[in-house]
Protein backbone atom coordinates (compact mmCIF):
# COMPACT_ATOMS: atom_id res chain seq x y z
CA UNK A 1 -21.77 -18.57 -8.05
CA UNK A 2 -20.72 -17.62 -11.64
CA UNK A 3 -21.51 -14.46 -13.02
CA UNK A 4 -21.23 -16.41 -16.77
CA UNK A 5 -19.35 -19.19 -18.00
CA UNK A 6 -15.73 -19.69 -20.17
CA UNK A 7 -17.70 -21.25 -22.81
CA UNK A 8 -19.88 -18.24 -23.61
CA UNK A 9 -17.23 -15.66 -22.37
CA UNK A 10 -13.81 -14.55 -24.31
CA UNK A 11 -12.00 -13.63 -20.70
CA UNK A 12 -9.45 -11.69 -22.82
CA UNK A 13 -12.09 -10.26 -25.36
CA UNK A 14 -15.59 -9.57 -23.01
CA UNK A 15 -18.05 -7.41 -24.63
CA UNK A 16 -18.28 -4.34 -22.68
CA UNK A 17 -22.04 -5.79 -21.06
CA UNK A 18 -20.01 -8.82 -20.19
CA UNK A 19 -17.30 -6.91 -18.18
CA UNK A 20 -19.77 -4.66 -16.92
CA UNK A 21 -21.80 -7.46 -15.37
CA UNK A 22 -19.12 -9.17 -13.77
CA UNK A 23 -17.73 -6.22 -11.77
CA UNK A 24 -20.60 -5.23 -10.38
CA UNK A 25 -21.50 -9.01 -9.33
CA UNK A 26 -18.25 -8.58 -7.89
CA UNK A 27 -18.74 -5.23 -6.06
CA UNK A 28 -22.10 -6.02 -4.92
CA UNK A 29 -20.62 -8.96 -2.59
CA UNK A 30 -17.49 -6.71 -0.96
CA UNK A 31 -17.32 -4.37 1.59
CA UNK A 32 -17.41 -0.75 0.74
CA UNK A 33 -13.78 -0.08 2.20
CA UNK A 34 -12.49 -2.79 -0.84
CA UNK A 35 -15.21 -1.19 -3.32
CA UNK A 36 -13.25 2.78 -2.70
CA UNK A 37 -9.84 1.60 -2.61
CA UNK A 38 -10.51 -0.86 -6.08
CA UNK A 39 -11.14 0.38 -9.80
CA UNK A 40 -12.92 -1.53 -11.90
CA UNK A 41 -9.86 -2.49 -13.29
CA UNK A 42 -8.57 -3.83 -10.52
CA UNK A 43 -11.92 -5.85 -10.21
CA UNK A 44 -12.07 -7.13 -13.33
CA UNK A 45 -8.77 -8.55 -13.06
CA UNK A 46 -9.77 -10.68 -9.84
CA UNK A 47 -13.01 -11.93 -12.04
CA UNK A 48 -10.97 -13.39 -14.49
CA UNK A 49 -8.05 -14.86 -12.36
CA UNK A 50 -11.28 -17.00 -11.04
CA UNK A 51 -13.22 -17.55 -14.15
CA UNK A 52 -15.63 -15.45 -13.07
CA UNK A 53 -16.60 -17.29 -10.49
CA UNK A 54 -17.70 -14.46 -7.86
CA UNK A 55 -17.34 -15.94 -4.55
CA UNK A 56 -13.99 -17.33 -5.59
CA UNK A 57 -13.14 -14.06 -6.83
CA UNK A 58 -14.64 -12.22 -3.69
CA UNK A 59 -12.32 -14.08 -1.42
CA UNK A 60 -9.20 -13.67 -3.58
CA UNK A 61 -9.63 -9.55 -3.76
CA UNK A 62 -10.74 -9.54 0.13
CA UNK A 63 -6.83 -11.10 0.71
CA UNK A 64 -5.02 -8.95 -1.81
CA UNK A 65 -6.72 -6.20 -0.10
CA UNK A 66 -5.90 -7.31 3.12
CA UNK A 67 -2.22 -7.87 2.22
CA UNK A 68 -1.89 -4.35 0.45
CA UNK A 69 -2.97 -2.88 3.72
CA UNK A 70 -1.02 -4.80 6.23
CA UNK A 71 2.24 -4.81 3.97
CA UNK A 72 1.92 -0.95 3.30
CA UNK A 73 1.98 -0.94 -0.32
CA UNK A 74 0.46 2.16 -1.05
CA UNK A 75 3.64 3.66 0.96
CA UNK A 76 6.13 2.23 -1.57
CA UNK A 77 8.62 4.94 -2.89
CA UNK A 78 7.68 4.25 -6.13
CA UNK A 79 9.68 6.32 -9.02
CA UNK A 80 6.39 8.39 -10.74
CA UNK A 81 7.15 11.79 -13.11
CA UNK A 82 5.87 13.97 -9.98
CA UNK A 83 8.38 12.58 -7.69
CA UNK A 84 12.19 12.15 -7.52
CA UNK A 85 12.63 8.55 -6.33
CA UNK A 86 14.75 6.27 -8.32
CA UNK A 87 13.65 3.99 -10.88
CA UNK A 88 14.30 0.05 -9.34
CA UNK A 89 15.44 -1.57 -12.63
CA UNK A 90 16.47 -0.59 -16.19
CA UNK A 91 14.19 1.06 -18.45
CA UNK A 92 14.52 2.31 -22.06
CA UNK A 93 11.99 3.91 -24.26
CA UNK A 94 9.43 5.70 -22.10
CA UNK A 95 8.33 9.36 -21.57
CA UNK A 96 7.43 9.41 -17.55
CA UNK A 97 10.79 8.30 -16.94
CA UNK A 98 14.02 9.29 -18.56
CA UNK A 99 16.55 6.05 -19.82
CA UNK A 100 18.18 4.71 -16.79
CA UNK A 101 20.38 1.95 -15.32
CA UNK A 102 19.95 1.47 -11.70
CA UNK A 103 22.88 3.79 -10.05
CA UNK A 104 23.59 3.59 -6.03
CA UNK A 105 21.51 6.97 -5.87
CA UNK A 106 20.86 7.56 -1.62
CA UNK A 107 17.59 6.00 -2.17
CA UNK A 108 18.45 2.55 -3.70
CA UNK A 109 18.83 0.38 -1.00
CA UNK A 110 22.03 -1.67 -0.42
CA UNK A 111 19.83 -4.95 -1.13
CA UNK A 112 18.43 -3.93 -4.66
CA UNK A 113 22.54 -3.25 -5.67
CA UNK A 114 23.37 -6.84 -4.62
CA UNK A 115 20.51 -8.51 -6.10
CA UNK A 116 21.16 -6.63 -9.17
CA UNK A 117 24.57 -7.95 -9.13
CA UNK A 118 23.48 -11.55 -9.80
CA UNK A 119 20.37 -11.17 -12.05
CA UNK A 120 21.67 -11.56 -15.85
CA UNK A 121 20.30 -8.47 -17.17
CA UNK A 122 16.88 -7.26 -17.74
CA UNK A 123 15.16 -4.16 -18.70
CA UNK A 124 11.86 -2.50 -19.41
CA UNK A 125 12.20 -2.00 -23.34
CA UNK A 126 9.99 0.02 -25.37
CA UNK A 127 6.52 -1.08 -26.43
CA UNK A 128 4.88 -4.00 -28.70
CA UNK A 129 2.97 -3.54 -31.70
CA UNK A 130 0.04 -3.10 -29.36
CA UNK A 131 1.04 -0.80 -26.96
CA UNK A 132 2.16 -3.52 -23.77
CA UNK A 133 5.22 -2.43 -22.29
CA UNK A 134 8.38 -5.18 -23.05
CA UNK A 135 10.46 -6.89 -19.97
CA UNK A 136 13.57 -8.48 -20.82
CA UNK A 137 15.20 -10.70 -18.71
CA UNK A 138 18.33 -12.30 -19.63
CA UNK A 139 17.88 -15.62 -17.49
CA UNK A 140 21.17 -17.46 -18.82
CA UNK A 141 23.46 -15.10 -17.29
CA UNK A 142 22.10 -15.30 -13.79
CA UNK A 143 24.55 -15.93 -10.95
CA UNK A 144 22.01 -18.89 -9.85
CA UNK A 145 23.91 -20.33 -7.60
CA UNK A 146 24.65 -16.78 -5.70
CA UNK A 147 21.11 -15.75 -4.86
CA UNK A 148 19.80 -18.52 -2.60
CA UNK A 149 23.10 -18.11 -0.76
CA UNK A 150 23.05 -14.34 -0.69
CA UNK A 151 19.73 -13.10 -0.55
CA UNK A 152 17.12 -13.35 1.44
CA UNK A 153 13.27 -14.32 0.13
CA UNK A 154 12.16 -11.10 2.09
CA UNK A 155 14.89 -9.01 0.19
CA UNK A 156 13.83 -10.91 -3.26
CA UNK A 157 10.13 -10.54 -2.22
CA UNK A 158 10.66 -6.67 -1.50
CA UNK A 159 12.58 -6.01 -4.74
CA UNK A 160 10.19 -7.82 -6.64
CA UNK A 161 7.35 -5.92 -5.24
CA UNK A 162 8.35 -2.85 -5.79
CA UNK A 163 9.39 -3.38 -9.65
CA UNK A 164 5.36 -4.59 -9.78
CA UNK A 165 4.52 -1.20 -8.20
CA UNK A 166 6.67 0.63 -10.57
CA UNK A 167 4.98 -1.30 -13.90
CA UNK A 168 1.67 -0.99 -12.27
CA UNK A 169 1.70 3.18 -11.46
CA UNK A 170 4.02 4.40 -13.91
CA UNK A 171 4.54 2.48 -17.00
CA UNK A 172 1.19 0.78 -17.58
CA UNK A 173 -0.73 4.41 -17.30
CA UNK A 174 2.15 5.92 -19.97
CA UNK A 175 1.05 3.12 -22.46
CA UNK A 176 -2.72 3.70 -21.90
CA UNK A 177 -2.35 6.98 -22.89
CA UNK A 178 -0.12 6.23 -25.54
CA UNK A 179 -2.37 3.80 -26.97
CA UNK A 180 -5.75 5.49 -26.14
CA UNK A 181 -6.80 2.75 -24.26
CA UNK A 182 -6.35 0.64 -21.04
CA UNK A 183 -3.09 -0.88 -21.08
CA UNK A 184 -2.65 -3.28 -18.06
CA UNK A 185 -0.53 -6.25 -19.15
CA UNK A 186 2.93 -6.20 -20.25
CA UNK A 187 4.79 -8.97 -22.54
CA UNK A 188 8.09 -10.95 -21.31
CA UNK A 189 10.89 -11.96 -23.03
CA UNK A 190 12.95 -14.67 -21.10
CA UNK A 191 16.30 -15.25 -22.63
CA UNK A 192 17.63 -18.07 -21.82
CA UNK A 193 21.11 -18.00 -24.04
CA UNK A 194 23.74 -19.34 -21.88
CA UNK A 195 22.04 -21.07 -19.55
CA UNK A 196 23.02 -24.02 -17.74
CA UNK A 197 21.59 -27.69 -16.42
CA UNK A 198 23.02 -26.78 -13.06
CA UNK A 199 21.32 -23.40 -13.18
CA UNK A 200 18.02 -25.34 -14.33
CA UNK A 201 18.12 -28.13 -11.55
CA UNK A 202 19.57 -25.85 -8.65
CA UNK A 203 16.71 -26.49 -5.93
CA UNK A 204 17.00 -23.23 -3.49
CA UNK A 205 16.91 -21.36 -6.50
CA UNK A 206 13.71 -23.04 -7.98
CA UNK A 207 12.17 -23.09 -4.68
CA UNK A 208 12.56 -19.69 -4.30
CA UNK A 209 10.95 -19.27 -7.90
CA UNK A 210 8.10 -21.28 -6.95
CA UNK A 211 7.44 -18.85 -3.78
CA UNK A 212 7.35 -15.82 -5.92
CA UNK A 213 4.62 -17.20 -8.60
CA UNK A 214 2.81 -18.18 -6.22
CA UNK A 215 2.32 -14.82 -4.62
CA UNK A 216 2.59 -12.98 -8.32
CA UNK A 217 -0.48 -15.52 -9.24
CA UNK A 218 -2.44 -14.25 -6.20
CA UNK A 219 -1.66 -10.51 -5.86
CA UNK A 220 -0.73 -9.48 -9.38
CA UNK A 221 -3.02 -11.62 -11.58
CA UNK A 222 -3.83 -10.99 -14.91
CA UNK A 223 -0.91 -8.87 -15.87
CA UNK A 224 1.07 -10.56 -18.48
CA UNK A 225 -0.10 -10.69 -22.30
CA UNK A 226 2.25 -12.81 -23.39
CA UNK A 227 5.34 -14.20 -22.54
CA UNK A 228 7.96 -15.63 -24.70
CA UNK A 229 11.01 -18.09 -23.44
CA UNK A 230 13.53 -17.90 -25.89
CA UNK A 231 17.03 -19.92 -26.78
CA UNK A 232 15.45 -22.73 -24.71
CA UNK A 233 18.05 -25.33 -24.75
CA UNK A 234 16.49 -28.98 -24.89
CA UNK A 235 17.52 -29.32 -21.13
CA UNK A 236 14.63 -26.72 -20.55
CA UNK A 237 11.66 -29.16 -20.96
CA UNK A 238 12.28 -31.15 -17.72
CA UNK A 239 12.18 -27.81 -16.10
CA UNK A 240 9.20 -26.36 -17.15
CA UNK A 241 7.27 -29.20 -16.76
CA UNK A 242 8.25 -28.89 -12.81
CA UNK A 243 7.20 -25.19 -13.43
CA UNK A 244 4.14 -25.93 -14.97
CA UNK A 245 2.77 -27.51 -11.78
CA UNK A 246 3.18 -24.11 -10.20
CA UNK A 247 1.21 -22.17 -12.75
CA UNK A 248 -2.07 -21.41 -13.54
CA UNK A 249 -3.55 -22.41 -16.87
CA UNK A 250 -4.66 -19.23 -18.03
CA UNK A 251 -1.24 -18.26 -17.10
CA UNK A 252 0.29 -21.59 -19.14
CA UNK A 253 -2.02 -20.86 -22.24
CA UNK A 254 -0.10 -17.61 -22.85
CA UNK A 255 3.64 -18.37 -22.43
CA UNK A 256 5.69 -19.59 -25.92
CA UNK A 257 8.74 -21.76 -25.40
CA UNK A 258 10.94 -20.94 -28.50
CA UNK A 259 14.50 -22.22 -29.17
CA UNK A 260 16.91 -20.63 -31.15
CA UNK A 261 14.57 -19.96 -34.20
CA UNK A 262 12.42 -17.24 -32.35
CA UNK A 263 12.84 -13.96 -34.55
CA UNK A 264 10.03 -14.59 -36.72
CA UNK A 265 7.61 -14.98 -33.84
CA UNK A 266 9.30 -11.93 -31.32
CA UNK A 267 9.13 -9.77 -34.93
CA UNK A 268 5.52 -10.61 -35.14
CA UNK A 269 4.77 -9.14 -31.71
CA UNK A 270 7.42 -6.32 -31.39
CA UNK A 271 8.93 -4.19 -33.93
CA UNK A 272 12.46 -4.39 -35.21
CA UNK A 273 13.40 -1.02 -33.63
CA UNK A 274 11.73 -2.18 -30.25
CA UNK A 275 13.76 -4.98 -30.26
CA UNK A 276 17.35 -5.58 -29.34
CA UNK A 277 20.15 -6.61 -32.01
CA UNK A 278 20.43 -10.05 -29.57
CA UNK A 279 16.90 -10.96 -30.28
CA UNK A 280 16.76 -10.30 -33.69
CA UNK A 281 15.89 -6.54 -33.97
CA UNK A 282 17.99 -3.40 -34.33
CA UNK A 283 18.18 -1.32 -31.19
CA UNK A 284 20.68 -1.22 -29.86
CA UNK A 285 20.70 1.85 -27.16
CA UNK A 286 24.09 3.13 -28.07
CA UNK A 287 23.25 6.28 -25.71
CA UNK A 288 23.11 4.12 -22.85
CA UNK A 289 26.00 2.21 -20.71
CA UNK A 290 25.47 -1.78 -21.17
CA UNK A 291 22.94 -1.21 -24.52
CA UNK A 292 19.25 -2.08 -24.65
CA UNK A 293 19.85 -4.90 -21.43
CA UNK A 294 22.71 -3.83 -19.14
CA UNK A 295 23.74 -6.88 -16.84
CA UNK A 296 26.37 -6.77 -14.16
CA UNK A 297 27.44 -10.31 -14.84
CA UNK A 298 28.30 -9.60 -18.00
CA UNK A 299 30.14 -6.64 -17.50
CA UNK A 300 28.42 -4.81 -20.13
CA UNK A 301 28.57 -1.40 -18.37
CA UNK A 302 30.20 -0.04 -15.66
CA UNK A 303 28.89 -1.30 -12.25
CA UNK A 304 30.06 1.16 -9.63
CA UNK A 305 29.70 1.21 -6.45
CA UNK A 306 27.78 3.88 -3.90
CA UNK A 307 31.55 5.96 -3.46
CA UNK A 308 31.93 6.27 -6.84
CA UNK A 309 28.94 8.85 -7.04
CA UNK A 310 29.71 11.03 -3.83
CA UNK A 311 32.88 14.12 -3.90
CA UNK A 312 32.79 14.06 -7.56
CA UNK A 313 35.63 16.41 -8.92
CA UNK A 314 33.55 19.31 -10.49
CA UNK A 315 30.35 20.93 -9.46
CA UNK A 316 28.16 24.04 -11.14
CA UNK A 317 25.34 25.54 -10.49
CA UNK A 318 22.30 25.93 -12.89
CA UNK A 319 18.37 27.39 -12.76
CA UNK A 320 15.20 27.95 -14.88
CA UNK A 321 17.06 31.16 -15.82
CA UNK A 322 20.84 30.39 -16.24
CA UNK A 323 20.15 26.92 -17.61
CA UNK A 324 23.58 26.13 -19.27
CA UNK A 325 26.87 24.65 -18.82
CA UNK A 326 29.99 23.76 -21.03
CA UNK A 327 32.93 22.05 -19.80
CA UNK A 328 36.01 21.16 -21.58
CA UNK A 329 38.67 18.19 -21.27
CA UNK A 330 41.89 17.80 -23.45
CA UNK A 331 42.56 14.75 -24.14
CA UNK A 332 46.29 14.55 -24.88
CA UNK A 333 49.18 11.93 -23.81
CA UNK A 334 50.22 13.20 -20.10
CA UNK A 335 52.46 11.39 -17.48
CA UNK A 336 49.31 12.70 -14.89
CA UNK A 337 46.62 9.82 -14.64
CA UNK A 338 43.91 12.10 -13.15
CA UNK A 339 42.66 15.70 -13.51
CA UNK A 340 43.46 17.46 -10.45
CA UNK A 341 40.40 17.31 -7.79
CA UNK A 342 41.38 21.14 -7.15
CA UNK A 343 41.26 22.18 -11.19
CA UNK A 344 39.10 25.12 -11.33
CA UNK A 345 36.18 24.89 -13.92
CA UNK A 346 37.58 27.71 -15.87
CA UNK A 347 40.65 25.82 -16.30
CA UNK A 348 40.95 22.71 -18.91
CA UNK A 349 42.40 19.32 -17.09
CA UNK A 350 44.28 16.36 -19.82
CA UNK A 351 42.97 13.14 -20.11
CA UNK A 352 45.21 9.93 -20.79
CA UNK A 353 48.19 8.50 -20.19
CA UNK A 354 51.53 8.63 -21.99
CA UNK A 355 51.20 5.67 -23.68
CA UNK A 356 47.22 5.83 -24.24
CA UNK A 357 47.38 6.69 -28.23
CA UNK A 358 48.77 3.06 -29.06
CA UNK A 359 47.31 0.68 -31.27
CA UNK A 360 45.56 -2.51 -30.39
CA UNK A 361 47.30 -5.49 -29.82
CA UNK A 362 45.54 -8.58 -30.28
CA UNK A 363 47.05 -11.54 -28.76
CA UNK A 364 44.79 -13.98 -29.70
CA UNK A 365 45.17 -13.64 -33.32
CA UNK A 366 48.83 -14.55 -34.68
CA UNK A 367 50.76 -12.50 -37.30
CA UNK A 368 52.44 -13.76 -40.55
CA UNK A 369 55.10 -14.57 -38.39
CA UNK A 370 53.79 -16.77 -35.88
CA UNK A 371 53.72 -14.10 -33.04
CA UNK A 372 51.07 -11.75 -31.39
CA UNK A 373 49.26 -9.56 -34.12
CA UNK A 374 50.78 -5.81 -33.74
CA UNK A 375 48.41 -4.12 -36.75
CA UNK A 376 48.65 -0.49 -36.60
CA UNK A 377 44.39 -0.84 -36.30
CA UNK A 378 42.87 2.00 -33.60
CA UNK A 379 42.15 1.45 -30.37
CA UNK A 380 38.42 1.94 -29.03
CA UNK A 381 38.80 4.48 -26.08
CA UNK A 382 36.10 5.06 -23.90
CA UNK A 383 35.89 7.91 -21.34
CA UNK A 384 33.04 7.83 -18.54
CA UNK A 385 30.70 10.88 -17.58
CA UNK A 386 29.09 10.66 -14.19
CA UNK A 387 26.96 13.69 -13.14
CA UNK A 388 23.70 14.08 -10.45
CA UNK A 389 21.73 16.84 -9.26
CA UNK A 390 20.20 17.66 -6.16
CA UNK A 391 16.81 18.88 -7.71
CA UNK A 392 14.93 20.02 -11.11
CA UNK A 393 13.03 17.97 -13.20
CA UNK A 394 15.81 16.92 -15.97
CA UNK A 395 19.06 17.89 -17.31
CA UNK A 396 20.28 17.30 -21.01
CA UNK A 397 23.63 16.28 -21.95
CA UNK A 398 25.25 16.02 -25.15
CA UNK A 399 29.38 15.72 -26.05
CA UNK A 400 30.93 16.87 -29.20
CA UNK A 401 34.94 16.04 -29.92
CA UNK A 402 37.10 18.85 -30.95
CA UNK A 403 40.15 18.59 -33.14
CA UNK A 404 43.23 20.42 -32.42
CA UNK A 405 43.01 23.70 -33.74
CA UNK A 406 39.23 23.94 -34.58
CA UNK A 407 37.49 27.27 -33.57
CA UNK A 408 35.73 27.76 -30.19
CA UNK A 409 32.47 25.81 -29.17
CA UNK A 410 29.23 27.32 -30.44
CA UNK A 411 25.92 26.73 -29.73
CA UNK A 412 25.53 25.49 -33.36
CA UNK A 413 28.00 22.59 -34.18
CA UNK A 414 31.17 23.68 -35.58
CA UNK A 415 32.43 22.34 -39.01
CA UNK A 416 35.49 20.56 -37.23
CA UNK A 417 33.60 19.32 -34.23
CA UNK A 418 32.34 16.02 -34.05
CA UNK A 419 29.03 15.04 -32.38
CA UNK A 420 29.97 11.75 -29.97
CA UNK A 421 26.99 11.54 -27.95
CA UNK A 422 23.75 13.55 -28.95
CA UNK A 423 21.25 15.40 -26.66
CA UNK A 424 19.90 13.06 -24.49
CA UNK A 425 17.55 13.70 -21.63
CA UNK A 426 17.96 12.44 -18.22
CA UNK A 427 16.87 12.57 -14.57
CA UNK A 428 19.80 13.23 -12.48
CA UNK A 429 17.48 14.04 -9.64
CA UNK A 430 16.55 10.69 -9.39
CA UNK A 431 19.73 9.32 -8.99
CA UNK A 432 23.30 9.45 -10.63
CA UNK A 433 23.87 9.14 -14.27
CA UNK A 434 26.43 7.54 -16.49
CA UNK A 435 27.43 8.27 -19.72
CA UNK A 436 29.99 5.87 -21.96
CA UNK A 437 31.74 7.91 -24.10
CA UNK A 438 33.70 6.30 -27.51
CA UNK A 439 36.22 8.63 -28.23
CA UNK A 440 38.97 9.13 -31.35
CA UNK A 441 41.84 7.73 -31.00
CA UNK A 442 44.01 11.27 -31.28
CA UNK A 443 44.55 14.56 -29.16
CA UNK A 444 41.65 16.85 -28.62
CA UNK A 445 39.27 17.82 -26.69
CA UNK A 446 35.89 16.57 -25.15
CA UNK A 447 33.28 19.62 -24.56
CA UNK A 448 30.14 18.56 -22.38
CA UNK A 449 27.51 20.51 -22.41
CA UNK A 450 24.43 20.23 -20.35
CA UNK A 451 21.02 22.34 -20.03
CA UNK A 452 18.12 22.09 -18.17
CA UNK A 453 15.18 20.12 -19.89
CA UNK A 454 12.35 22.26 -21.09
CA UNK A 455 8.72 22.01 -20.54
CA UNK A 456 7.70 19.53 -23.57
CA UNK A 457 10.78 16.91 -23.01
CA UNK A 458 9.89 14.33 -20.52
CA UNK A 459 6.67 14.51 -18.28
CA UNK A 460 8.00 15.05 -15.11
CA UNK A 461 6.84 17.88 -13.01
CA UNK A 462 8.23 21.18 -13.26
CA UNK A 463 8.53 22.54 -10.10
CA UNK A 464 6.78 25.18 -8.33
CA UNK A 465 7.27 28.58 -8.47
CA UNK A 466 9.14 29.20 -5.08
CA UNK A 467 10.98 25.49 -6.10
CA UNK A 468 12.17 27.46 -9.39
CA UNK A 469 14.04 30.33 -7.61
CA UNK A 470 16.31 27.80 -6.15
CA UNK A 471 19.30 26.76 -8.08
CA UNK A 472 20.05 23.42 -9.27
CA UNK A 473 23.87 22.09 -8.31
CA UNK A 474 25.15 19.72 -10.99
CA UNK A 475 28.33 17.57 -9.86
CA UNK A 476 30.35 15.82 -12.15
CA UNK A 477 33.28 13.67 -13.15
CA UNK A 478 34.67 12.91 -16.40
CA UNK A 479 37.15 9.71 -16.37
CA UNK A 480 38.94 7.12 -18.57
CA UNK A 481 37.70 3.42 -17.99
CA UNK A 482 41.11 2.34 -17.26
CA UNK A 483 41.10 5.20 -14.22
CA UNK A 484 37.62 3.88 -13.36
CA UNK A 485 38.41 -0.03 -13.36
CA UNK A 486 41.52 0.72 -11.13
CA UNK A 487 39.94 2.96 -8.53
CA UNK A 488 36.94 0.93 -7.90
CA UNK A 489 38.24 -2.22 -8.54
CA UNK A 490 36.41 -3.51 -11.22
CA UNK A 491 36.05 -6.32 -13.90
CA UNK A 492 36.91 -4.86 -17.61
CA UNK A 493 34.40 -3.92 -19.42
CA UNK A 494 33.26 -5.61 -21.85
CA UNK A 495 32.00 -3.41 -25.25
CA UNK A 496 31.36 -6.40 -27.62
């Protein structure tokens, strides 16, 4: 039985009467239990997924409901403004959850961290011009061969469902609020730059993809607005012919396969300030390690292990009455590679090696004499700030650079001080935060300032009156990039 025909109803732009009738007809043939569980938006998605065929839509929604109950999906620990669960994947440009990378907080499973090491780099990155959230995935940098060997289908599905629930429960509601209308679909950008024929023909990985696509179309239907596949090489045509066979025709109609000349089409949907620079936009998200899209395989941010967030060097207490904390590090030549773990917060520990203030030597650039270039070009120096909190609703951090001889720090910026990291809100009570600081190539001081988030910053719930009386513990460390790489046996960090 159908409520109408697709020839007379535009499923993407139905009239209110057409939509209401379809929902009413489907609700009439499903149980009271399912009716009570589903919103009208849920019911409409299944109507559309089965082309307004009431009988097929009813079968699909019953299977979906039973799966959610059997899998205890509603009990998943999904990051939302009123809890402190960590984000399942990097995020940029939303209010309900502060910008974050996936870090090894106590509530993050090892399977999530393992998968993150093999994925090419993904991020929910702002919104398109119509208010849909934008999800970007750098498929070309995936470690495709490692995923089937090192990860089970169960781990992959668990991770994927957590991400789907996060966008449904947290990102879509925020986007709807911002747009002033319901937003229940996302724009997806798959970047295939650097993809190889071996990646496109890996059968175990393709089988995993097929299973995931089949599940998504049954369990999360009609959640995609548009998908762009950019930097698609000619050899992708063969793989696409195979993948199309796994997709519903409505899904296929919303996929745009683009080669290298894609910027104009992307920018017609996504504004330049919301599109990463590597995709033709102007956004860089320079306040976050890894920029717009952090990628463990690309090594564009420090992917630290769990032990990197235990026993941090310094500790202080903040509250909603004592809201600020300042700590200063000297950056100067020293024979001591690390500040002493027992250093008092009232002291000024030093960072920097004796040879840390040299100049960049580029061994790939020949000098006029035929040897390596030893020109006096200043070397970029990076320092990483790690911090976490045990409670609260968010922390704002800023960092200043104070040259030698400048006056003491005050709440207003002194003339001699340089702002090297502007005030940025984080949720360190959800998971540890890492901030990348590019510092001048000379002696001076790093001044780190934290303060408790105000009522009008972010959307995380404010603690109850009783909870607000309990001081929050802020733990932190500041380390040279070289020391982090050595201590945790990391690949050199790529800052390009």
